[in-house]
Amino acid sequence: MITGKWKCEILWRLVQNKHRFGELQRAIPSVTQHMLTTQLRDLESNGLVKRTVFAEIPPRVEYEITESARALRPVFDELFRWSQAHFSAMQAQSATSSGSDESAAPLTHP
């Protein structure tokens, strides 16, 4: 249910706060609109994300995690701690083996 390149990133963002589609797209700039839509639909069909449509002009849609996905919070917290502990060493190893990779960044905690 959470495999794939973008689902964990989407859930990581949503575990922090509700987001509108455009906010998620800006927060994850390398995901395409089509892929973000597909991944959100998959997460919604698996009961991990709730989509709320507001009857406004223009229409507003918000995404948030469900209670079952909220149970993943300790997993994300541990991944965050692990990334903070190991990011510098991994970045140094990556820079020496394949040149500098300035696009990589550590996770930020909510």
PDB file of N, CA and C in Angstrom:
ATOM      1  N   MET A   1       0.806  -1.203   0.000  1.00  0.00           N
ATOM      2  CA  MET A   1       0.000   0.000   0.000  1.00  0.00           C
ATOM      3  C   MET A   1       0.851   1.270   0.000  1.00  0.00           C
ATOM      4  N   ILE A   2       2.074   1.194   0.497  1.00  0.00           N
ATOM      5  CA  ILE A   2       2.898   2.399   0.537  1.00  0.00           C
ATOM      6  C   ILE A   2       4.173   2.244  -0.286  1.00  0.00           C
ATOM      7  N   THR A   3       4.192   1.236  -1.169  1.00  0.00           N
ATOM      8  CA  THR A   3       5.363   1.084  -2.025  1.00  0.00           C
ATOM      9  C   THR A   3       5.279   2.072  -3.176  1.00  0.00           C
ATOM     10  N   GLY A   4       6.394   2.296  -3.787  1.00  0.00           N
ATOM     11  CA  GLY A   4       6.456   3.236  -4.888  1.00  0.00           C
ATOM     12  C   GLY A   4       7.302   4.430  -4.515  1.00  0.00           C
ATOM     13  N   LYS A   5       7.648   5.181  -5.510  1.00  0.00           N
ATOM     14  CA  LYS A   5       8.572   6.292  -5.318  1.00  0.00           C
ATOM     15  C   LYS A   5       7.986   7.452  -4.516  1.00  0.00           C
ATOM     16  N   TRP A   6       6.686   7.704  -4.632  1.00  0.00           N
ATOM     17  CA  TRP A   6       6.126   8.940  -4.079  1.00  0.00           C
ATOM     18  C   TRP A   6       5.221   8.763  -2.879  1.00  0.00           C
ATOM     19  N   LYS A   7       4.703   7.572  -2.630  1.00  0.00           N
ATOM     20  CA  LYS A   7       3.699   7.410  -1.577  1.00  0.00           C
ATOM     21  C   LYS A   7       4.233   7.769  -0.197  1.00  0.00           C
ATOM     22  N   CYS A   8       5.421   7.347   0.129  1.00  0.00           N
ATOM     23  CA  CYS A   8       5.975   7.694   1.444  1.00  0.00           C
ATOM     24  C   CYS A   8       6.202   9.194   1.563  1.00  0.00           C
ATOM     25  N   GLU A   9       6.661   9.813   0.491  1.00  0.00           N
ATOM     26  CA  GLU A   9       6.872  11.267   0.508  1.00  0.00           C
ATOM     27  C   GLU A   9       5.539  11.991   0.707  1.00  0.00           C
ATOM     28  N   ILE A  10       4.500  11.533   0.020  1.00  0.00           N
ATOM     29  CA  ILE A  10       3.175  12.141   0.174  1.00  0.00           C
ATOM     30  C   ILE A  10       2.673  11.960   1.600  1.00  0.00           C
ATOM     31  N   LEU A  11       2.780  10.746   2.116  1.00  0.00           N
ATOM     32  CA  LEU A  11       2.333  10.490   3.483  1.00  0.00           C
ATOM     33  C   LEU A  11       3.142  11.292   4.491  1.00  0.00           C
ATOM     34  N   TRP A  12       4.442  11.431   4.237  1.00  0.00           N
ATOM     35  CA  TRP A  12       5.294  12.240   5.130  1.00  0.00           C
ATOM     36  C   TRP A  12       4.768  13.671   5.209  1.00  0.00           C
ATOM     37  N   ARG A  13       4.405  14.228   4.066  1.00  0.00           N
ATOM     38  CA  ARG A  13       3.868  15.598   4.051  1.00  0.00           C
ATOM     39  C   ARG A  13       2.522  15.669   4.772  1.00  0.00           C
ATOM     40  N   LEU A  14       1.675  14.666   4.528  1.00  0.00           N
ATOM     41  CA  LEU A  14       0.334  14.693   5.106  1.00  0.00           C
ATOM     42  C   LEU A  14       0.320  14.356   6.592  1.00  0.00           C
ATOM     43  N   VAL A  15       1.316  13.634   7.068  1.00  0.00           N
ATOM     44  CA  VAL A  15       1.379  13.337   8.496  1.00  0.00           C
ATOM     45  C   VAL A  15       1.642  14.630   9.275  1.00  0.00           C
ATOM     46  N   GLN A  16       2.208  15.611   8.603  1.00  0.00           N
ATOM     47  CA  GLN A  16       2.501  16.891   9.233  1.00  0.00           C
ATOM     48  C   GLN A  16       1.285  17.815   9.262  1.00  0.00           C
ATOM     49  N   ASN A  17       0.455  17.750   8.195  1.00  0.00           N
ATOM     50  CA  ASN A  17      -0.651  18.693   8.085  1.00  0.00           C
ATOM     51  C   ASN A  17      -1.529  18.324   6.894  1.00  0.00           C
ATOM     52  N   LYS A  18      -2.756  18.835   6.878  1.00  0.00           N
ATOM     53  CA  LYS A  18      -3.602  18.734   5.689  1.00  0.00           C
ATOM     54  C   LYS A  18      -2.971  19.573   4.586  1.00  0.00           C
ATOM     55  N   HIS A  19      -3.150  19.139   3.331  1.00  0.00           N
ATOM     56  CA  HIS A  19      -2.621  19.915   2.213  1.00  0.00           C
ATOM     57  C   HIS A  19      -3.593  19.897   1.048  1.00  0.00           C
ATOM     58  N   ARG A  20      -3.589  20.987   0.321  1.00  0.00           N
ATOM     59  CA  ARG A  20      -4.291  21.025  -0.950  1.00  0.00           C
ATOM     60  C   ARG A  20      -3.374  20.446  -2.013  1.00  0.00           C
ATOM     61  N   PHE A  21      -3.934  20.091  -3.161  1.00  0.00           N
ATOM     62  CA  PHE A  21      -3.155  19.456  -4.221  1.00  0.00           C
ATOM     63  C   PHE A  21      -1.959  20.309  -4.626  1.00  0.00           C
ATOM     64  N   GLY A  22      -2.189  21.585  -4.849  1.00  0.00           N
ATOM     65  CA  GLY A  22      -1.112  22.486  -5.268  1.00  0.00           C
ATOM     66  C   GLY A  22      -0.003  22.596  -4.238  1.00  0.00           C
ATOM     67  N   GLU A  23      -0.372  22.561  -2.971  1.00  0.00           N
ATOM     68  CA  GLU A  23       0.636  22.600  -1.907  1.00  0.00           C
ATOM     69  C   GLU A  23       1.510  21.356  -1.944  1.00  0.00           C
ATOM     70  N   LEU A  24       0.872  20.204  -2.147  1.00  0.00           N
ATOM     71  CA  LEU A  24       1.647  18.964  -2.250  1.00  0.00           C
ATOM     72  C   LEU A  24       2.566  19.001  -3.464  1.00  0.00           C
ATOM     73  N   GLN A  25       2.051  19.513  -4.560  1.00  0.00           N
ATOM     74  CA  GLN A  25       2.856  19.582  -5.785  1.00  0.00           C
ATOM     75  C   GLN A  25       4.069  20.497  -5.598  1.00  0.00           C
ATOM     76  N   ARG A  26       3.884  21.607  -4.906  1.00  0.00           N
ATOM     77  CA  ARG A  26       5.014  22.505  -4.632  1.00  0.00           C
ATOM     78  C   ARG A  26       5.991  21.898  -3.625  1.00  0.00           C
ATOM     79  N   ALA A  27       5.475  21.139  -2.677  1.00  0.00           N
ATOM     80  CA  ALA A  27       6.320  20.529  -1.656  1.00  0.00           C
ATOM     81  C   ALA A  27       7.157  19.377  -2.210  1.00  0.00           C
ATOM     82  N   ILE A  28       6.676  18.755  -3.288  1.00  0.00           N
ATOM     83  CA  ILE A  28       7.380  17.640  -3.924  1.00  0.00           C
ATOM     84  C   ILE A  28       7.588  18.012  -5.397  1.00  0.00           C
ATOM     85  N   PRO A  29       8.511  18.918  -5.689  1.00  0.00           N
ATOM     86  CA  PRO A  29       8.609  19.480  -7.032  1.00  0.00           C
ATOM     87  C   PRO A  29       8.973  18.485  -8.134  1.00  0.00           C
ATOM     88  N   SER A  30       9.578  17.364  -7.823  1.00  0.00           N
ATOM     89  CA  SER A  30       9.977  16.440  -8.882  1.00  0.00           C
ATOM     90  C   SER A  30       8.879  15.459  -9.275  1.00  0.00           C
ATOM     91  N   VAL A  31       7.727  15.476  -8.610  1.00  0.00           N
ATOM     92  CA  VAL A  31       6.624  14.604  -8.995  1.00  0.00           C
ATOM     93  C   VAL A  31       5.762  15.324 -10.029  1.00  0.00           C
ATOM     94  N   THR A  32       5.325  14.591 -11.045  1.00  0.00           N
ATOM     95  CA  THR A  32       4.455  15.192 -12.064  1.00  0.00           C
ATOM     96  C   THR A  32       3.023  15.262 -11.532  1.00  0.00           C
ATOM     97  N   GLN A  33       2.233  16.113 -12.145  1.00  0.00           N
ATOM     98  CA  GLN A  33       0.833  16.261 -11.746  1.00  0.00           C
ATOM     99  C   GLN A  33       0.096  14.934 -11.900  1.00  0.00           C
ATOM    100  N   HIS A  34       0.336  14.246 -13.003  1.00  0.00           N
ATOM    101  CA  HIS A  34      -0.320  12.961 -13.260  1.00  0.00           C
ATOM    102  C   HIS A  34       0.066  11.923 -12.194  1.00  0.00           C
ATOM    103  N   MET A  35       1.343  11.842 -11.880  1.00  0.00           N
ATOM    104  CA  MET A  35       1.802  10.865 -10.898  1.00  0.00           C
ATOM    105  C   MET A  35       1.285  11.185  -9.502  1.00  0.00           C
ATOM    106  N   LEU A  36       1.258  12.465  -9.139  1.00  0.00           N
ATOM    107  CA  LEU A  36       0.729  12.859  -7.840  1.00  0.00           C
ATOM    108  C   LEU A  36      -0.750  12.476  -7.742  1.00  0.00           C
ATOM    109  N   THR A  37      -1.503  12.739  -8.787  1.00  0.00           N
ATOM    110  CA  THR A  37      -2.918  12.374  -8.821  1.00  0.00           C
ATOM    111  C   THR A  37      -3.092  10.871  -8.671  1.00  0.00           C
ATOM    112  N   THR A  38      -2.310  10.101  -9.408  1.00  0.00           N
ATOM    113  CA  THR A  38      -2.389   8.642  -9.359  1.00  0.00           C
ATOM    114  C   THR A  38      -2.055   8.114  -7.965  1.00  0.00           C
ATOM    115  N   GLN A  39      -0.988   8.628  -7.390  1.00  0.00           N
ATOM    116  CA  GLN A  39      -0.567   8.164  -6.070  1.00  0.00           C
ATOM    117  C   GLN A  39      -1.586   8.533  -4.996  1.00  0.00           C
ATOM    118  N   LEU A  40      -2.137   9.743  -5.069  1.00  0.00           N
ATOM    119  CA  LEU A  40      -3.168  10.148  -4.103  1.00  0.00           C
ATOM    120  C   LEU A  40      -4.407   9.266  -4.235  1.00  0.00           C
ATOM    121  N   ARG A  41      -4.801   8.937  -5.455  1.00  0.00           N
ATOM    122  CA  ARG A  41      -5.963   8.057  -5.659  1.00  0.00           C
ATOM    123  C   ARG A  41      -5.706   6.672  -5.074  1.00  0.00           C
ATOM    124  N   ASP A  42      -4.493   6.142  -5.292  1.00  0.00           N
ATOM    125  CA  ASP A  42      -4.137   4.838  -4.719  1.00  0.00           C
ATOM    126  C   ASP A  42      -4.193   4.877  -3.198  1.00  0.00           C
ATOM    127  N   LEU A  43      -3.601   5.916  -2.608  1.00  0.00           N
ATOM    128  CA  LEU A  43      -3.603   6.042  -1.150  1.00  0.00           C
ATOM    129  C   LEU A  43      -5.027   6.181  -0.608  1.00  0.00           C
ATOM    130  N   GLU A  44      -5.869   6.902  -1.349  1.00  0.00           N
ATOM    131  CA  GLU A  44      -7.268   7.061  -0.936  1.00  0.00           C
ATOM    132  C   GLU A  44      -8.009   5.729  -1.031  1.00  0.00           C
ATOM    133  N   SER A  45      -7.804   4.996  -2.119  1.00  0.00           N
ATOM    134  CA  SER A  45      -8.503   3.709  -2.277  1.00  0.00           C
ATOM    135  C   SER A  45      -8.044   2.676  -1.247  1.00  0.00           C
ATOM    136  N   ASN A  46      -6.821   2.827  -0.737  1.00  0.00           N
ATOM    137  CA  ASN A  46      -6.311   1.930   0.297  1.00  0.00           C
ATOM    138  C   ASN A  46      -6.650   2.403   1.710  1.00  0.00           C
ATOM    139  N   GLY A  47      -7.385   3.495   1.828  1.00  0.00           N
ATOM    140  CA  GLY A  47      -7.826   3.973   3.120  1.00  0.00           C
ATOM    141  C   GLY A  47      -6.771   4.705   3.933  1.00  0.00           C
ATOM    142  N   LEU A  48      -5.721   5.188   3.276  1.00  0.00           N
ATOM    143  CA  LEU A  48      -4.663   5.897   3.989  1.00  0.00           C
ATOM    144  C   LEU A  48      -4.779   7.411   3.890  1.00  0.00           C
ATOM    145  N   VAL A  49      -5.497   7.883   2.876  1.00  0.00           N
ATOM    146  CA  VAL A  49      -5.672   9.324   2.663  1.00  0.00           C
ATOM    147  C   VAL A  49      -7.152   9.616   2.489  1.00  0.00           C
ATOM    148  N   LYS A  50      -7.575  10.707   3.101  1.00  0.00           N
ATOM    149  CA  LYS A  50      -8.953  11.176   2.959  1.00  0.00           C
ATOM    150  C   LYS A  50      -8.943  12.426   2.091  1.00  0.00           C
ATOM    151  N   ARG A  51      -9.824  12.436   1.101  1.00  0.00           N
ATOM    152  CA  ARG A  51      -9.961  13.575   0.186  1.00  0.00           C
ATOM    153  C   ARG A  51     -11.270  14.271   0.512  1.00  0.00           C
ATOM    154  N   THR A  52     -11.191  15.573   0.790  1.00  0.00           N
ATOM    155  CA  THR A  52     -12.380  16.354   1.103  1.00  0.00           C
ATOM    156  C   THR A  52     -12.555  17.430   0.048  1.00  0.00           C
ATOM    157  N   VAL A  53     -13.730  17.437  -0.594  1.00  0.00           N
ATOM    158  CA  VAL A  53     -14.053  18.437  -1.616  1.00  0.00           C
ATOM    159  C   VAL A  53     -15.012  19.437  -0.997  1.00  0.00           C
ATOM    160  N   PHE A  54     -14.655  20.713  -1.077  1.00  0.00           N
ATOM    161  CA  PHE A  54     -15.496  21.780  -0.542  1.00  0.00           C
ATOM    162  C   PHE A  54     -16.309  22.386  -1.682  1.00  0.00           C
ATOM    163  N   ALA A  55     -17.585  22.600  -1.431  1.00  0.00           N
ATOM    164  CA  ALA A  55     -18.488  23.144  -2.444  1.00  0.00           C
ATOM    165  C   ALA A  55     -18.298  24.657  -2.525  1.00  0.00           C
ATOM    166  N   GLU A  56     -17.215  25.050  -3.176  1.00  0.00           N
ATOM    167  CA  GLU A  56     -16.886  26.457  -3.336  1.00  0.00           C
ATOM    168  C   GLU A  56     -16.552  26.717  -4.796  1.00  0.00           C
ATOM    169  N   ILE A  57     -16.553  27.967  -5.161  1.00  0.00           N
ATOM    170  CA  ILE A  57     -16.112  28.379  -6.491  1.00  0.00           C
ATOM    171  C   ILE A  57     -14.900  29.262  -6.290  1.00  0.00           C
ATOM    172  N   PRO A  58     -13.734  28.936  -6.779  1.00  0.00           N
ATOM    173  CA  PRO A  58     -13.382  27.665  -7.425  1.00  0.00           C
ATOM    174  C   PRO A  58     -13.360  26.531  -6.400  1.00  0.00           C
ATOM    175  N   PRO A  59     -13.515  25.283  -6.884  1.00  0.00           N
ATOM    176  CA  PRO A  59     -13.544  24.141  -5.962  1.00  0.00           C
ATOM    177  C   PRO A  59     -12.237  24.021  -5.184  1.00  0.00           C
ATOM    178  N   ARG A  60     -12.368  23.599  -3.949  1.00  0.00           N
ATOM    179  CA  ARG A  60     -11.192  23.404  -3.098  1.00  0.00           C
ATOM    180  C   ARG A  60     -11.204  21.957  -2.630  1.00  0.00           C
ATOM    181  N   VAL A  61     -10.027  21.305  -2.710  1.00  0.00           N
ATOM    182  CA  VAL A  61      -9.882  19.920  -2.288  1.00  0.00           C
ATOM    183  C   VAL A  61      -8.717  19.851  -1.314  1.00  0.00           C
ATOM    184  N   GLU A  62      -8.938  19.187  -0.182  1.00  0.00           N
ATOM    185  CA  GLU A  62      -7.878  18.987   0.796  1.00  0.00           C
ATOM    186  C   GLU A  62      -7.643  17.499   0.995  1.00  0.00           C
ATOM    187  N   TYR A  63      -6.388  17.171   1.243  1.00  0.00           N
ATOM    188  CA  TYR A  63      -5.993  15.796   1.519  1.00  0.00           C
ATOM    189  C   TYR A  63      -5.431  15.729   2.926  1.00  0.00           C
ATOM    190  N   GLU A  64      -5.791  14.664   3.633  1.00  0.00           N
ATOM    191  CA  GLU A  64      -5.255  14.429   4.968  1.00  0.00           C
ATOM    192  C   GLU A  64      -5.131  12.929   5.171  1.00  0.00           C
ATOM    193  N   ILE A  65      -4.307  12.537   6.141  1.00  0.00           N
ATOM    194  CA  ILE A  65      -4.166  11.114   6.406  1.00  0.00           C
ATOM    195  C   ILE A  65      -5.325  10.643   7.265  1.00  0.00           C
ATOM    196  N   THR A  66      -5.634   9.373   7.146  1.00  0.00           N
ATOM    197  CA  THR A  66      -6.691   8.769   7.944  1.00  0.00           C
ATOM    198  C   THR A  66      -6.103   8.286   9.272  1.00  0.00           C
ATOM    199  N   GLU A  67      -6.962   7.825  10.147  1.00  0.00           N
ATOM    200  CA  GLU A  67      -6.498   7.311  11.441  1.00  0.00           C
ATOM    201  C   GLU A  67      -5.571   6.113  11.255  1.00  0.00           C
ATOM    202  N   SER A  68      -5.873   5.237  10.297  1.00  0.00           N
ATOM    203  CA  SER A  68      -4.987   4.085  10.097  1.00  0.00           C
ATOM    204  C   SER A  68      -3.609   4.524   9.608  1.00  0.00           C
ATOM    205  N   ALA A  69      -3.557   5.552   8.795  1.00  0.00           N
ATOM    206  CA  ALA A  69      -2.258   6.071   8.334  1.00  0.00           C
ATOM    207  C   ALA A  69      -1.560   6.828   9.457  1.00  0.00           C
ATOM    208  N   ARG A  70      -2.330   7.433  10.341  1.00  0.00           N
ATOM    209  CA  ARG A  70      -1.743   8.167  11.465  1.00  0.00           C
ATOM    210  C   ARG A  70      -0.913   7.226  12.349  1.00  0.00           C
ATOM    211  N   ALA A  71      -1.259   5.957  12.345  1.00  0.00           N
ATOM    212  CA  ALA A  71      -0.494   4.965  13.109  1.00  0.00           C
ATOM    213  C   ALA A  71       0.919   4.804  12.563  1.00  0.00           C
ATOM    214  N   LEU A  72       1.174   5.297  11.357  1.00  0.00           N
ATOM    215  CA  LEU A  72       2.521   5.257  10.779  1.00  0.00           C
ATOM    216  C   LEU A  72       3.424   6.352  11.327  1.00  0.00           C
ATOM    217  N   ARG A  73       2.896   7.279  12.093  1.00  0.00           N
ATOM    218  CA  ARG A  73       3.681   8.399  12.619  1.00  0.00           C
ATOM    219  C   ARG A  73       4.962   7.953  13.328  1.00  0.00           C
ATOM    220  N   PRO A  74       4.920   6.928  14.200  1.00  0.00           N
ATOM    221  CA  PRO A  74       6.170   6.484  14.838  1.00  0.00           C
ATOM    222  C   PRO A  74       7.203   5.974  13.819  1.00  0.00           C
ATOM    223  N   VAL A  75       6.725   5.389  12.750  1.00  0.00           N
ATOM    224  CA  VAL A  75       7.644   4.919  11.696  1.00  0.00           C
ATOM    225  C   VAL A  75       8.325   6.115  11.046  1.00  0.00           C
ATOM    226  N   PHE A  76       7.569   7.140  10.727  1.00  0.00           N
ATOM    227  CA  PHE A  76       8.149   8.344  10.130  1.00  0.00           C
ATOM    228  C   PHE A  76       9.106   9.036  11.102  1.00  0.00           C
ATOM    229  N   ASP A  77       8.750   9.058  12.371  1.00  0.00           N
ATOM    230  CA  ASP A  77       9.641   9.659  13.369  1.00  0.00           C
ATOM    231  C   ASP A  77      10.972   8.915  13.426  1.00  0.00           C
ATOM    232  N   GLU A  78      10.921   7.590  13.393  1.00  0.00           N
ATOM    233  CA  GLU A  78      12.166   6.802  13.400  1.00  0.00           C
ATOM    234  C   GLU A  78      12.979   7.028  12.133  1.00  0.00           C
ATOM    235  N   LEU A  79      12.321   7.089  10.977  1.00  0.00           N
ATOM    236  CA  LEU A  79      13.026   7.371   9.721  1.00  0.00           C
ATOM    237  C   LEU A  79      13.681   8.749   9.777  1.00  0.00           C
ATOM    238  N   PHE A  80      12.988   9.704  10.385  1.00  0.00           N
ATOM    239  CA  PHE A  80      13.554  11.035  10.535  1.00  0.00           C
ATOM    240  C   PHE A  80      14.815  10.992  11.395  1.00  0.00           C
ATOM    241  N   ARG A  81      14.718  10.316  12.547  1.00  0.00           N
ATOM    242  CA  ARG A  81      15.898  10.212  13.423  1.00  0.00           C
ATOM    243  C   ARG A  81      17.055   9.510  12.717  1.00  0.00           C
ATOM    244  N   TRP A  82      16.756   8.462  11.979  1.00  0.00           N
ATOM    245  CA  TRP A  82      17.787   7.735  11.251  1.00  0.00           C
ATOM    246  C   TRP A  82      18.432   8.639  10.198  1.00  0.00           C
ATOM    247  N   SER A  83      17.622   9.387   9.458  1.00  0.00           N
ATOM    248  CA  SER A  83      18.185  10.255   8.417  1.00  0.00           C
ATOM    249  C   SER A  83      19.067  11.344   9.015  1.00  0.00           C
ATOM    250  N   GLN A  84      18.665  11.881  10.164  1.00  0.00           N
ATOM    251  CA  GLN A  84      19.480  12.902  10.813  1.00  0.00           C
ATOM    252  C   GLN A  84      20.813  12.331  11.299  1.00  0.00           C
ATOM    253  N   ALA A  85      20.788  11.099  11.767  1.00  0.00           N
ATOM    254  CA  ALA A  85      22.004  10.468  12.282  1.00  0.00           C
ATOM    255  C   ALA A  85      22.957  10.050  11.165  1.00  0.00           C
ATOM    256  N   HIS A  86      22.433   9.725   9.998  1.00  0.00           N
ATOM    257  CA  HIS A  86      23.261   9.141   8.949  1.00  0.00           C
ATOM    258  C   HIS A  86      23.389   9.974   7.682  1.00  0.00           C
ATOM    259  N   PHE A  87      22.683  11.074   7.572  1.00  0.00           N
ATOM    260  CA  PHE A  87      22.683  11.840   6.332  1.00  0.00           C
ATOM    261  C   PHE A  87      24.072  12.351   5.960  1.00  0.00           C
ATOM    262  N   SER A  88      24.784  12.928   6.893  1.00  0.00           N
ATOM    263  CA  SER A  88      26.098  13.505   6.592  1.00  0.00           C
ATOM    264  C   SER A  88      27.068  12.459   6.073  1.00  0.00           C
ATOM    265  N   ALA A  89      27.109  11.297   6.711  1.00  0.00           N
ATOM    266  CA  ALA A  89      28.015  10.232   6.271  1.00  0.00           C
ATOM    267  C   ALA A  89      27.626   9.720   4.895  1.00  0.00           C
ATOM    268  N   MET A  90      26.331   9.576   4.641  1.00  0.00           N
ATOM    269  CA  MET A  90      25.880   9.090   3.331  1.00  0.00           C
ATOM    270  C   MET A  90      26.161  10.121   2.247  1.00  0.00           C
ATOM    271  N   GLN A  91      25.973  11.390   2.541  1.00  0.00           N
ATOM    272  CA  GLN A  91      26.233  12.444   1.566  1.00  0.00           C
ATOM    273  C   GLN A  91      27.722  12.497   1.245  1.00  0.00           C
ATOM    274  N   ALA A  92      28.574  12.367   2.246  1.00  0.00           N
ATOM    275  CA  ALA A  92      30.023  12.379   2.020  1.00  0.00           C
ATOM    276  C   ALA A  92      30.441  11.192   1.173  1.00  0.00           C
ATOM    277  N   GLN A  93      29.897  10.021   1.453  1.00  0.00           N
ATOM    278  CA  GLN A  93      30.222   8.829   0.671  1.00  0.00           C
ATOM    279  C   GLN A  93      29.740   8.987  -0.765  1.00  0.00           C
ATOM    280  N   SER A  94      28.558   9.530  -0.952  1.00  0.00           N
ATOM    281  CA  SER A  94      28.017   9.744  -2.291  1.00  0.00           C
ATOM    282  C   SER A  94      28.850  10.754  -3.071  1.00  0.00           C
ATOM    283  N   ALA A  95      29.303  11.809  -2.412  1.00  0.00           N
ATOM    284  CA  ALA A  95      30.093  12.849  -3.071  1.00  0.00           C
ATOM    285  C   ALA A  95      31.440  12.306  -3.531  1.00  0.00           C
ATOM    286  N   THR A  96      32.044  11.440  -2.746  1.00  0.00           N
ATOM    287  CA  THR A  96      33.351  10.907  -3.131  1.00  0.00           C
ATOM    288  C   THR A  96      33.237   9.837  -4.206  1.00  0.00           C
ATOM    289  N   SER A  97      32.116   9.122  -4.258  1.00  0.00           N
ATOM    290  CA  SER A  97      31.998   8.046  -5.240  1.00  0.00           C
ATOM    291  C   SER A  97      31.425   8.493  -6.573  1.00  0.00           C
ATOM    292  N   SER A  98      30.608   9.551  -6.591  1.00  0.00           N
ATOM    293  CA  SER A  98      29.987   9.933  -7.864  1.00  0.00           C
ATOM    294  C   SER A  98      29.941  11.437  -8.076  1.00  0.00           C
ATOM    295  N   GLY A  99      30.764  12.188  -7.434  1.00  0.00           N
ATOM    296  CA  GLY A  99      30.698  13.646  -7.541  1.00  0.00           C
ATOM    297  C   GLY A  99      29.694  14.176  -6.542  1.00  0.00           C
ATOM    298  N   SER A 100      29.628  15.468  -6.396  1.00  0.00           N
ATOM    299  CA  SER A 100      28.755  16.093  -5.413  1.00  0.00           C
ATOM    300  C   SER A 100      27.301  15.992  -5.818  1.00  0.00           C
ATOM    301  N   ASP A 101      26.437  15.616  -4.877  1.00  0.00           N
ATOM    302  CA  ASP A 101      25.004  15.560  -5.105  1.00  0.00           C
ATOM    303  C   ASP A 101      24.332  16.557  -4.180  1.00  0.00           C
ATOM    304  N   GLU A 102      24.218  17.791  -4.645  1.00  0.00           N
ATOM    305  CA  GLU A 102      23.662  18.850  -3.816  1.00  0.00           C
ATOM    306  C   GLU A 102      22.150  18.817  -3.766  1.00  0.00           C
ATOM    307  N   SER A 103      21.517  17.970  -4.612  1.00  0.00           N
ATOM    308  CA  SER A 103      20.061  17.927  -4.614  1.00  0.00           C
ATOM    309  C   SER A 103      19.510  17.146  -3.426  1.00  0.00           C
ATOM    310  N   ALA A 104      20.318  16.269  -2.830  1.00  0.00           N
ATOM    311  CA  ALA A 104      19.844  15.487  -1.694  1.00  0.00           C
ATOM    312  C   ALA A 104      19.796  16.369  -0.457  1.00  0.00           C
ATOM    313  N   ALA A 105      18.777  16.138   0.369  1.00  0.00           N
ATOM    314  CA  ALA A 105      18.657  16.925   1.602  1.00  0.00           C
ATOM    315  C   ALA A 105      18.075  16.038   2.670  1.00  0.00           C
ATOM    316  N   PRO A 106      18.423  16.293   3.925  1.00  0.00           N
ATOM    317  CA  PRO A 106      17.852  15.484   4.994  1.00  0.00           C
ATOM    318  C   PRO A 106      16.374  15.794   5.165  1.00  0.00           C
ATOM    319  N   LEU A 107      15.660  14.878   5.787  1.00  0.00           N
ATOM    320  CA  LEU A 107      14.250  15.098   6.080  1.00  0.00           C
ATOM    321  C   LEU A 107      14.131  16.221   7.098  1.00  0.00           C
ATOM    322  N   THR A 108      13.013  16.920   7.051  1.00  0.00           N
ATOM    323  CA  THR A 108      12.730  17.915   8.085  1.00  0.00           C
ATOM    324  C   THR A 108      11.562  17.401   8.890  1.00  0.00           C
ATOM    325  N   HIS A 109      11.639  17.563  10.178  1.00  0.00           N
ATOM    326  CA  HIS A 109      10.623  17.026  11.074  1.00  0.00           C
ATOM    327  C   HIS A 109       9.530  18.055  11.285  1.00  0.00           C
ATOM    328  N   PRO A 110       8.291  17.574  11.407  1.00  0.00           N
ATOM    329  CA  PRO A 110       7.181  18.507  11.631  1.00  0.00           C
ATOM    330  C   PRO A 110       7.290  19.229  12.945  1.00  0.00           C
TER     331      PRO A 110
END
